[in-house]
Amino acid sequence: MNWQKKYRWARTWPGETGLDGKPLEDFAAYDGDQYAGRIRLDHESLKKGQWMWSGAYPKGWKGSPITPNNGFKPTAAEAAQTVEEYWDAMKKKIGLTDE
């Protein structure tokens, strides 16, 4: 995988731990000060062990979002890449980028 992250990623809840005492595997993406999306390791559902991703909407968004706007990927990197691609597509749809 040749993907390189484009946005800033940070733990969604720094210092929080799961029932196992380990730090939560839950991260949020930021494009400047805008929240761009989130990934988290699933521990409960039938997708246990996969990474759930969800994309956010840029400020000023109106109308229906691009779908799907969430799903599962086998690795954190693939989920993060999907969030960033979703974010870029949403920005392009409202004219915030020419890419």
N, C-alpha and C. Protein backbone atom coordinates (compact mmCIF):
# COMPACT_ATOMS: atom_id res chain seq x y z
N MET A 1 0.84 -1.18 0.00
CA MET A 1 0.00 0.00 0.00
C MET A 1 0.89 1.24 0.00
N ASN A 2 0.73 2.11 -0.99
CA ASN A 2 1.56 3.30 -1.12
C ASN A 2 0.89 4.56 -0.58
N TRP A 3 -0.22 4.43 0.06
CA TRP A 3 -0.95 5.58 0.56
C TRP A 3 -0.17 6.30 1.65
N GLN A 4 -0.19 7.63 1.59
CA GLN A 4 0.40 8.48 2.62
C GLN A 4 -0.69 9.37 3.18
N LYS A 5 -0.79 9.42 4.52
CA LYS A 5 -1.85 10.22 5.11
C LYS A 5 -1.70 11.69 4.72
N LYS A 6 -2.83 12.34 4.55
CA LYS A 6 -2.90 13.72 4.09
C LYS A 6 -3.31 14.66 5.22
N TYR A 7 -4.09 14.13 6.15
CA TYR A 7 -4.64 14.95 7.22
C TYR A 7 -4.08 14.54 8.58
N ARG A 8 -4.37 15.35 9.58
CA ARG A 8 -3.89 15.07 10.94
C ARG A 8 -4.81 14.06 11.60
N TRP A 9 -4.22 13.04 12.20
CA TRP A 9 -4.97 12.01 12.91
C TRP A 9 -4.61 12.06 14.39
N ALA A 10 -5.61 11.91 15.25
CA ALA A 10 -5.38 11.94 16.70
C ALA A 10 -6.35 10.97 17.37
N ARG A 11 -5.97 10.49 18.54
CA ARG A 11 -6.89 9.63 19.30
C ARG A 11 -8.17 10.41 19.58
N THR A 12 -9.30 9.75 19.41
CA THR A 12 -10.58 10.40 19.63
C THR A 12 -10.76 10.77 21.11
N TRP A 13 -10.38 9.86 21.98
CA TRP A 13 -10.48 10.11 23.42
C TRP A 13 -9.13 9.80 24.07
N PRO A 14 -8.18 10.74 24.01
CA PRO A 14 -6.86 10.48 24.59
C PRO A 14 -6.96 10.08 26.06
N GLY A 15 -6.20 9.06 26.43
CA GLY A 15 -6.16 8.63 27.82
C GLY A 15 -7.24 7.64 28.21
N GLU A 16 -8.26 7.47 27.38
CA GLU A 16 -9.34 6.52 27.70
C GLU A 16 -8.89 5.11 27.35
N THR A 17 -9.34 4.17 28.16
CA THR A 17 -9.00 2.77 27.91
C THR A 17 -10.27 1.94 27.79
N GLY A 18 -10.11 0.80 27.13
CA GLY A 18 -11.21 -0.13 26.99
C GLY A 18 -11.30 -1.02 28.22
N LEU A 19 -12.22 -1.97 28.20
CA LEU A 19 -12.40 -2.88 29.33
C LEU A 19 -11.15 -3.72 29.59
N ASP A 20 -10.32 -3.87 28.55
CA ASP A 20 -9.08 -4.64 28.71
C ASP A 20 -7.93 -3.80 29.29
N GLY A 21 -8.19 -2.52 29.54
CA GLY A 21 -7.17 -1.64 30.09
C GLY A 21 -6.24 -1.03 29.06
N LYS A 22 -6.38 -1.41 27.80
CA LYS A 22 -5.53 -0.88 26.74
C LYS A 22 -6.16 0.40 26.16
N PRO A 23 -5.32 1.31 25.61
CA PRO A 23 -5.87 2.52 24.99
C PRO A 23 -6.87 2.16 23.89
N LEU A 24 -7.94 2.94 23.80
CA LEU A 24 -8.95 2.71 22.77
C LEU A 24 -8.33 2.88 21.39
N GLU A 25 -8.64 1.98 20.50
CA GLU A 25 -8.20 2.06 19.11
C GLU A 25 -9.27 2.83 18.34
N ASP A 26 -9.25 4.14 18.52
CA ASP A 26 -10.29 5.02 17.98
C ASP A 26 -9.61 6.34 17.64
N PHE A 27 -9.67 6.74 16.37
CA PHE A 27 -8.93 7.90 15.91
C PHE A 27 -9.82 8.80 15.05
N ALA A 28 -9.59 10.11 15.15
CA ALA A 28 -10.31 11.11 14.37
C ALA A 28 -9.34 11.83 13.44
N ALA A 29 -9.84 12.18 12.26
CA ALA A 29 -9.06 12.93 11.27
C ALA A 29 -9.50 14.39 11.27
N TYR A 30 -8.52 15.28 11.07
CA TYR A 30 -8.79 16.71 11.02
C TYR A 30 -8.10 17.33 9.81
N ASP A 31 -8.85 18.15 9.11
CA ASP A 31 -8.35 18.95 7.99
C ASP A 31 -8.32 20.38 8.53
N GLY A 32 -7.17 20.81 9.00
CA GLY A 32 -7.12 22.08 9.73
C GLY A 32 -7.92 21.93 11.00
N ASP A 33 -8.91 22.79 11.21
CA ASP A 33 -9.75 22.67 12.42
C ASP A 33 -11.05 21.90 12.16
N GLN A 34 -11.25 21.44 10.92
CA GLN A 34 -12.49 20.70 10.61
C GLN A 34 -12.31 19.20 10.84
N TYR A 35 -13.30 18.63 11.50
CA TYR A 35 -13.36 17.19 11.71
C TYR A 35 -13.69 16.55 10.37
N ALA A 36 -12.85 15.58 9.94
CA ALA A 36 -13.02 14.98 8.61
C ALA A 36 -13.53 13.54 8.65
N GLY A 37 -13.46 12.88 9.80
CA GLY A 37 -13.94 11.52 9.89
C GLY A 37 -13.28 10.76 11.03
N ARG A 38 -13.60 9.48 11.11
CA ARG A 38 -13.17 8.67 12.25
C ARG A 38 -12.97 7.22 11.84
N ILE A 39 -12.03 6.57 12.51
CA ILE A 39 -11.88 5.12 12.39
C ILE A 39 -11.81 4.53 13.79
N ARG A 40 -12.27 3.30 13.94
CA ARG A 40 -12.17 2.62 15.23
C ARG A 40 -12.15 1.12 15.01
N LEU A 41 -11.43 0.42 15.87
CA LEU A 41 -11.37 -1.03 15.79
C LEU A 41 -12.63 -1.60 16.42
N ASP A 42 -13.34 -2.44 15.68
CA ASP A 42 -14.57 -3.05 16.17
C ASP A 42 -14.23 -4.24 17.07
N HIS A 43 -14.81 -4.21 18.27
CA HIS A 43 -14.60 -5.29 19.24
C HIS A 43 -15.87 -6.09 19.51
N GLU A 44 -17.03 -5.64 19.00
CA GLU A 44 -18.29 -6.23 19.42
C GLU A 44 -19.13 -6.91 18.34
N SER A 45 -19.14 -6.38 17.14
CA SER A 45 -20.10 -6.85 16.13
C SER A 45 -19.58 -8.06 15.36
N LEU A 46 -20.35 -8.47 14.37
CA LEU A 46 -19.92 -9.56 13.50
C LEU A 46 -18.68 -9.17 12.68
N LYS A 47 -18.36 -7.89 12.65
CA LYS A 47 -17.18 -7.38 11.96
C LYS A 47 -15.98 -7.25 12.92
N LYS A 48 -16.08 -7.89 14.06
CA LYS A 48 -15.03 -7.82 15.09
C LYS A 48 -13.65 -8.03 14.47
N GLY A 49 -12.71 -7.14 14.85
CA GLY A 49 -11.35 -7.21 14.33
C GLY A 49 -11.13 -6.36 13.09
N GLN A 50 -12.21 -5.83 12.50
CA GLN A 50 -12.09 -4.94 11.35
C GLN A 50 -12.19 -3.49 11.84
N TRP A 51 -11.79 -2.60 10.98
CA TRP A 51 -11.81 -1.17 11.31
C TRP A 51 -13.02 -0.50 10.67
N MET A 52 -13.84 0.11 11.51
CA MET A 52 -15.00 0.86 11.02
C MET A 52 -14.55 2.28 10.67
N TRP A 53 -14.99 2.75 9.53
CA TRP A 53 -14.70 4.12 9.14
C TRP A 53 -16.00 4.88 8.98
N SER A 54 -15.96 6.18 9.20
CA SER A 54 -17.11 7.04 8.93
C SER A 54 -16.59 8.40 8.48
N GLY A 55 -17.18 8.91 7.43
CA GLY A 55 -16.78 10.19 6.86
C GLY A 55 -17.65 11.32 7.40
N ALA A 56 -17.07 12.49 7.49
CA ALA A 56 -17.78 13.67 7.97
C ALA A 56 -18.15 14.58 6.80
N TYR A 57 -18.92 15.61 7.11
CA TYR A 57 -19.36 16.56 6.09
C TYR A 57 -18.65 17.90 6.32
N PRO A 58 -18.12 18.52 5.27
CA PRO A 58 -17.47 19.82 5.42
C PRO A 58 -18.47 20.90 5.85
N LYS A 59 -17.95 21.94 6.51
CA LYS A 59 -18.80 23.08 6.89
C LYS A 59 -19.46 23.63 5.64
N GLY A 60 -20.71 23.97 5.76
CA GLY A 60 -21.46 24.50 4.64
C GLY A 60 -22.15 23.44 3.80
N TRP A 61 -22.01 22.18 4.19
CA TRP A 61 -22.63 21.10 3.42
C TRP A 61 -24.14 21.20 3.48
N LYS A 62 -24.78 21.04 2.31
CA LYS A 62 -26.25 20.98 2.22
C LYS A 62 -26.59 19.87 1.25
N GLY A 63 -27.68 19.20 1.53
CA GLY A 63 -28.12 18.16 0.61
C GLY A 63 -27.71 16.77 1.07
N SER A 64 -27.83 15.84 0.18
CA SER A 64 -27.52 14.45 0.49
C SER A 64 -26.02 14.21 0.41
N PRO A 65 -25.50 13.43 1.35
CA PRO A 65 -24.07 13.12 1.31
C PRO A 65 -23.77 12.06 0.25
N ILE A 66 -22.51 11.95 -0.08
CA ILE A 66 -22.05 10.86 -0.92
C ILE A 66 -22.20 9.58 -0.10
N THR A 67 -22.66 8.53 -0.70
CA THR A 67 -22.79 7.27 0.02
C THR A 67 -21.98 6.19 -0.68
N PRO A 68 -21.50 5.20 0.06
CA PRO A 68 -21.65 5.06 1.50
C PRO A 68 -20.75 6.05 2.23
N ASN A 69 -21.19 6.44 3.42
CA ASN A 69 -20.39 7.36 4.23
C ASN A 69 -19.83 6.66 5.47
N ASN A 70 -19.91 5.33 5.47
CA ASN A 70 -19.27 4.54 6.53
C ASN A 70 -19.17 3.09 6.05
N GLY A 71 -18.36 2.32 6.77
CA GLY A 71 -18.19 0.92 6.41
C GLY A 71 -17.05 0.31 7.19
N PHE A 72 -16.56 -0.81 6.71
CA PHE A 72 -15.49 -1.53 7.39
C PHE A 72 -14.36 -1.84 6.42
N LYS A 73 -13.15 -1.81 6.94
CA LYS A 73 -11.94 -2.18 6.20
C LYS A 73 -11.10 -3.09 7.09
N PRO A 74 -10.28 -3.95 6.50
CA PRO A 74 -9.51 -4.90 7.30
C PRO A 74 -8.37 -4.28 8.11
N THR A 75 -7.84 -3.12 7.69
CA THR A 75 -6.73 -2.51 8.43
C THR A 75 -7.02 -1.05 8.75
N ALA A 76 -6.31 -0.53 9.74
CA ALA A 76 -6.44 0.88 10.10
C ALA A 76 -6.04 1.78 8.94
N ALA A 77 -4.96 1.42 8.24
CA ALA A 77 -4.50 2.24 7.11
C ALA A 77 -5.55 2.31 6.01
N GLU A 78 -6.17 1.19 5.69
CA GLU A 78 -7.21 1.19 4.65
C GLU A 78 -8.42 2.00 5.08
N ALA A 79 -8.79 1.91 6.35
CA ALA A 79 -9.92 2.69 6.85
C ALA A 79 -9.59 4.18 6.83
N ALA A 80 -8.38 4.55 7.24
CA ALA A 80 -7.97 5.95 7.24
C ALA A 80 -7.93 6.50 5.81
N GLN A 81 -7.41 5.72 4.89
CA GLN A 81 -7.38 6.15 3.49
C GLN A 81 -8.79 6.39 2.98
N THR A 82 -9.72 5.52 3.33
CA THR A 82 -11.11 5.67 2.88
C THR A 82 -11.72 6.94 3.44
N VAL A 83 -11.46 7.24 4.72
CA VAL A 83 -11.96 8.48 5.32
C VAL A 83 -11.41 9.68 4.56
N GLU A 84 -10.12 9.69 4.30
CA GLU A 84 -9.52 10.83 3.61
C GLU A 84 -10.05 10.97 2.19
N GLU A 85 -10.24 9.88 1.49
CA GLU A 85 -10.79 9.94 0.13
C GLU A 85 -12.24 10.42 0.16
N TYR A 86 -12.99 9.97 1.15
CA TYR A 86 -14.38 10.41 1.29
C TYR A 86 -14.42 11.92 1.54
N TRP A 87 -13.59 12.38 2.46
CA TRP A 87 -13.53 13.80 2.80
C TRP A 87 -13.19 14.63 1.55
N ASP A 88 -12.20 14.20 0.81
CA ASP A 88 -11.82 14.92 -0.41
C ASP A 88 -12.96 14.94 -1.42
N ALA A 89 -13.67 13.84 -1.56
CA ALA A 89 -14.80 13.79 -2.49
C ALA A 89 -15.92 14.73 -2.05
N MET A 90 -16.17 14.80 -0.76
CA MET A 90 -17.20 15.71 -0.25
C MET A 90 -16.80 17.17 -0.49
N LYS A 91 -15.53 17.50 -0.25
CA LYS A 91 -15.07 18.87 -0.49
C LYS A 91 -15.18 19.21 -1.97
N LYS A 92 -14.82 18.27 -2.83
CA LYS A 92 -14.90 18.51 -4.26
C LYS A 92 -16.35 18.73 -4.69
N LYS A 93 -17.27 17.98 -4.11
CA LYS A 93 -18.69 18.08 -4.49
C LYS A 93 -19.25 19.47 -4.21
N ILE A 94 -18.75 20.13 -3.16
CA ILE A 94 -19.26 21.48 -2.88
C ILE A 94 -18.33 22.58 -3.37
N GLY A 95 -17.31 22.20 -4.15
CA GLY A 95 -16.45 23.20 -4.77
C GLY A 95 -15.33 23.74 -3.89
N LEU A 96 -14.95 23.01 -2.85
CA LEU A 96 -13.87 23.47 -1.99
C LEU A 96 -12.50 23.07 -2.51
N THR A 97 -12.45 22.25 -3.54
CA THR A 97 -11.19 21.82 -4.14
C THR A 97 -11.41 21.47 -5.60
N ASP A 98 -10.36 21.58 -6.39
CA ASP A 98 -10.45 21.25 -7.82
C ASP A 98 -9.92 19.87 -8.12
N GLU A 99 -9.39 19.17 -7.12
CA GLU A 99 -8.77 17.85 -7.33
C GLU A 99 -9.75 16.86 -7.92
